[in-house]
Amino acid sequence: MLRWRHVLGLVVLEVALFVIAGVTSKSNHHPGTVSNVFWGAFLVGVVLLILLVLATGVRSLRRTKAS
């Protein structure tokens, strides 16, 4: 079961990835290398976070309807 404090931890991780991606894209001599990796990790993380939150919401709705 995914708890909301875990979701909060994932949100903090996503914010950190976003900040790192922004910093590397502005300060990198080759702005397509490291920054693309961080942007990709950020986007994959956002999609996974949305899916986890939706799955948790559906699971809690099913649990309340069953009881």
N, C-alpha and C. Protein backbone atom coordinates (compact mmCIF):
# COMPACT_ATOMS: atom_id res chain seq x y z
N MET A 1 0.84 -1.18 0.00
CA MET A 1 0.00 0.00 0.00
C MET A 1 0.88 1.25 0.00
N LEU A 2 0.58 2.16 -0.85
CA LEU A 2 1.32 3.41 -0.96
C LEU A 2 0.74 4.41 0.03
N ARG A 3 1.58 4.88 0.91
CA ARG A 3 1.12 5.85 1.91
C ARG A 3 1.41 7.26 1.41
N TRP A 4 0.68 8.20 1.95
CA TRP A 4 0.81 9.58 1.47
C TRP A 4 2.16 10.18 1.81
N ARG A 5 2.82 9.71 2.86
CA ARG A 5 4.16 10.22 3.15
C ARG A 5 5.16 9.73 2.11
N HIS A 6 4.92 8.54 1.55
CA HIS A 6 5.76 8.07 0.45
C HIS A 6 5.54 8.91 -0.80
N VAL A 7 4.31 9.27 -1.04
CA VAL A 7 4.01 10.14 -2.19
C VAL A 7 4.69 11.49 -2.00
N LEU A 8 4.68 12.00 -0.78
CA LEU A 8 5.35 13.27 -0.51
C LEU A 8 6.85 13.14 -0.75
N GLY A 9 7.44 12.02 -0.37
CA GLY A 9 8.86 11.78 -0.64
C GLY A 9 9.15 11.74 -2.13
N LEU A 10 8.25 11.11 -2.90
CA LEU A 10 8.42 11.07 -4.35
C LEU A 10 8.29 12.46 -4.97
N VAL A 11 7.40 13.27 -4.44
CA VAL A 11 7.25 14.64 -4.93
C VAL A 11 8.52 15.45 -4.66
N VAL A 12 9.10 15.27 -3.48
CA VAL A 12 10.34 15.97 -3.16
C VAL A 12 11.45 15.52 -4.11
N LEU A 13 11.51 14.22 -4.40
CA LEU A 13 12.50 13.71 -5.34
C LEU A 13 12.29 14.30 -6.73
N GLU A 14 11.07 14.43 -7.17
CA GLU A 14 10.77 15.01 -8.48
C GLU A 14 11.17 16.48 -8.54
N VAL A 15 10.93 17.20 -7.46
CA VAL A 15 11.34 18.62 -7.43
C VAL A 15 12.86 18.72 -7.52
N ALA A 16 13.55 17.82 -6.80
CA ALA A 16 15.02 17.83 -6.86
C ALA A 16 15.51 17.52 -8.28
N LEU A 17 14.91 16.54 -8.94
CA LEU A 17 15.28 16.23 -10.32
C LEU A 17 15.02 17.41 -11.25
N PHE A 18 13.91 18.11 -11.02
CA PHE A 18 13.59 19.27 -11.84
C PHE A 18 14.63 20.37 -11.67
N VAL A 19 15.02 20.62 -10.42
CA VAL A 19 16.02 21.66 -10.15
C VAL A 19 17.36 21.28 -10.76
N ILE A 20 17.77 20.02 -10.58
CA ILE A 20 19.05 19.57 -11.14
C ILE A 20 19.04 19.67 -12.66
N ALA A 21 17.93 19.29 -13.27
CA ALA A 21 17.83 19.38 -14.73
C ALA A 21 17.92 20.82 -15.20
N GLY A 22 17.29 21.72 -14.49
CA GLY A 22 17.35 23.13 -14.86
C GLY A 22 18.74 23.71 -14.70
N VAL A 23 19.41 23.35 -13.62
CA VAL A 23 20.76 23.87 -13.38
C VAL A 23 21.73 23.32 -14.42
N THR A 24 21.64 22.02 -14.72
CA THR A 24 22.58 21.44 -15.68
C THR A 24 22.33 21.94 -17.09
N SER A 25 21.10 22.29 -17.41
CA SER A 25 20.85 22.78 -18.77
C SER A 25 21.39 24.19 -18.96
N LYS A 26 21.48 24.96 -17.89
CA LYS A 26 21.98 26.33 -18.00
C LYS A 26 23.49 26.44 -17.83
N SER A 27 24.09 25.50 -17.08
CA SER A 27 25.51 25.66 -16.78
C SER A 27 26.39 24.66 -17.52
N ASN A 28 25.81 23.79 -18.29
CA ASN A 28 26.59 22.76 -18.97
C ASN A 28 27.18 23.31 -20.26
N HIS A 29 28.42 22.93 -20.57
CA HIS A 29 29.03 23.38 -21.82
C HIS A 29 28.39 22.70 -23.02
N HIS A 30 27.91 21.49 -22.81
CA HIS A 30 27.18 20.76 -23.86
C HIS A 30 25.77 20.53 -23.34
N PRO A 31 24.85 21.45 -23.59
CA PRO A 31 23.55 21.43 -22.92
C PRO A 31 22.63 20.28 -23.31
N GLY A 32 23.11 19.33 -24.09
CA GLY A 32 22.22 18.24 -24.44
C GLY A 32 22.56 16.92 -23.80
N THR A 33 23.62 16.84 -23.04
CA THR A 33 24.07 15.55 -22.53
C THR A 33 23.48 15.24 -21.17
N VAL A 34 24.03 15.83 -20.13
CA VAL A 34 23.61 15.51 -18.76
C VAL A 34 22.21 16.02 -18.50
N SER A 35 21.89 17.16 -19.02
CA SER A 35 20.58 17.73 -18.77
C SER A 35 19.47 16.87 -19.35
N ASN A 36 19.69 16.27 -20.51
CA ASN A 36 18.67 15.40 -21.10
C ASN A 36 18.41 14.18 -20.23
N VAL A 37 19.44 13.66 -19.61
CA VAL A 37 19.26 12.51 -18.71
C VAL A 37 18.38 12.91 -17.52
N PHE A 38 18.65 14.06 -16.92
CA PHE A 38 17.84 14.50 -15.78
C PHE A 38 16.42 14.85 -16.19
N TRP A 39 16.25 15.49 -17.36
CA TRP A 39 14.89 15.78 -17.82
C TRP A 39 14.12 14.49 -18.09
N GLY A 40 14.79 13.50 -18.68
CA GLY A 40 14.14 12.22 -18.92
C GLY A 40 13.74 11.53 -17.63
N ALA A 41 14.64 11.54 -16.65
CA ALA A 41 14.33 10.93 -15.35
C ALA A 41 13.18 11.67 -14.67
N PHE A 42 13.18 12.99 -14.80
CA PHE A 42 12.09 13.79 -14.22
C PHE A 42 10.76 13.44 -14.87
N LEU A 43 10.72 13.37 -16.19
CA LEU A 43 9.45 13.08 -16.88
C LEU A 43 8.95 11.67 -16.59
N VAL A 44 9.85 10.70 -16.58
CA VAL A 44 9.45 9.33 -16.24
C VAL A 44 8.92 9.28 -14.81
N GLY A 45 9.59 9.99 -13.92
CA GLY A 45 9.15 10.03 -12.52
C GLY A 45 7.78 10.66 -12.36
N VAL A 46 7.53 11.72 -13.11
CA VAL A 46 6.22 12.38 -13.03
C VAL A 46 5.12 11.44 -13.50
N VAL A 47 5.36 10.75 -14.59
CA VAL A 47 4.35 9.81 -15.11
C VAL A 47 4.10 8.69 -14.10
N LEU A 48 5.18 8.14 -13.54
CA LEU A 48 5.02 7.08 -12.54
C LEU A 48 4.32 7.59 -11.28
N LEU A 49 4.63 8.80 -10.88
CA LEU A 49 3.98 9.37 -9.70
C LEU A 49 2.49 9.55 -9.94
N ILE A 50 2.11 10.03 -11.10
CA ILE A 50 0.69 10.18 -11.43
C ILE A 50 -0.01 8.83 -11.44
N LEU A 51 0.63 7.83 -12.03
CA LEU A 51 0.03 6.49 -12.05
C LEU A 51 -0.12 5.91 -10.66
N LEU A 52 0.87 6.10 -9.80
CA LEU A 52 0.79 5.59 -8.43
C LEU A 52 -0.31 6.27 -7.64
N VAL A 53 -0.45 7.58 -7.81
CA VAL A 53 -1.50 8.30 -7.10
C VAL A 53 -2.87 7.86 -7.59
N LEU A 54 -3.03 7.69 -8.89
CA LEU A 54 -4.31 7.21 -9.43
C LEU A 54 -4.63 5.81 -8.94
N ALA A 55 -3.64 4.93 -8.94
CA ALA A 55 -3.86 3.56 -8.47
C ALA A 55 -4.23 3.53 -7.00
N THR A 56 -3.60 4.37 -6.21
CA THR A 56 -3.92 4.43 -4.79
C THR A 56 -5.34 4.96 -4.59
N GLY A 57 -5.71 5.95 -5.36
CA GLY A 57 -7.07 6.48 -5.26
C GLY A 57 -8.13 5.46 -5.65
N VAL A 58 -7.87 4.73 -6.71
CA VAL A 58 -8.82 3.69 -7.15
C VAL A 58 -8.92 2.59 -6.10
N ARG A 59 -7.78 2.21 -5.53
CA ARG A 59 -7.78 1.16 -4.51
C ARG A 59 -8.56 1.61 -3.27
N SER A 60 -8.40 2.86 -2.87
CA SER A 60 -9.13 3.32 -1.69
C SER A 60 -10.63 3.45 -1.99
N LEU A 61 -10.99 3.82 -3.22
CA LEU A 61 -12.41 3.86 -3.58
C LEU A 61 -13.03 2.48 -3.56
N ARG A 62 -12.31 1.49 -4.08
CA ARG A 62 -12.83 0.13 -4.06
C ARG A 62 -12.97 -0.39 -2.65
N ARG A 63 -12.03 -0.02 -1.78
CA ARG A 63 -12.07 -0.48 -0.41
C ARG A 63 -13.25 0.13 0.33
N THR A 64 -13.57 1.41 0.07
CA THR A 64 -14.70 2.03 0.74
C THR A 64 -16.03 1.54 0.20
N LYS A 65 -16.09 1.19 -1.08
CA LYS A 65 -17.33 0.64 -1.65
C LYS A 65 -17.59 -0.77 -1.16
N ALA A 66 -16.52 -1.54 -0.91
CA ALA A 66 -16.67 -2.93 -0.47
C ALA A 66 -17.13 -3.02 0.97
N SER A 67 -16.83 -2.00 1.77
CA SER A 67 -17.21 -2.09 3.19
C SER A 67 -18.53 -1.45 3.48
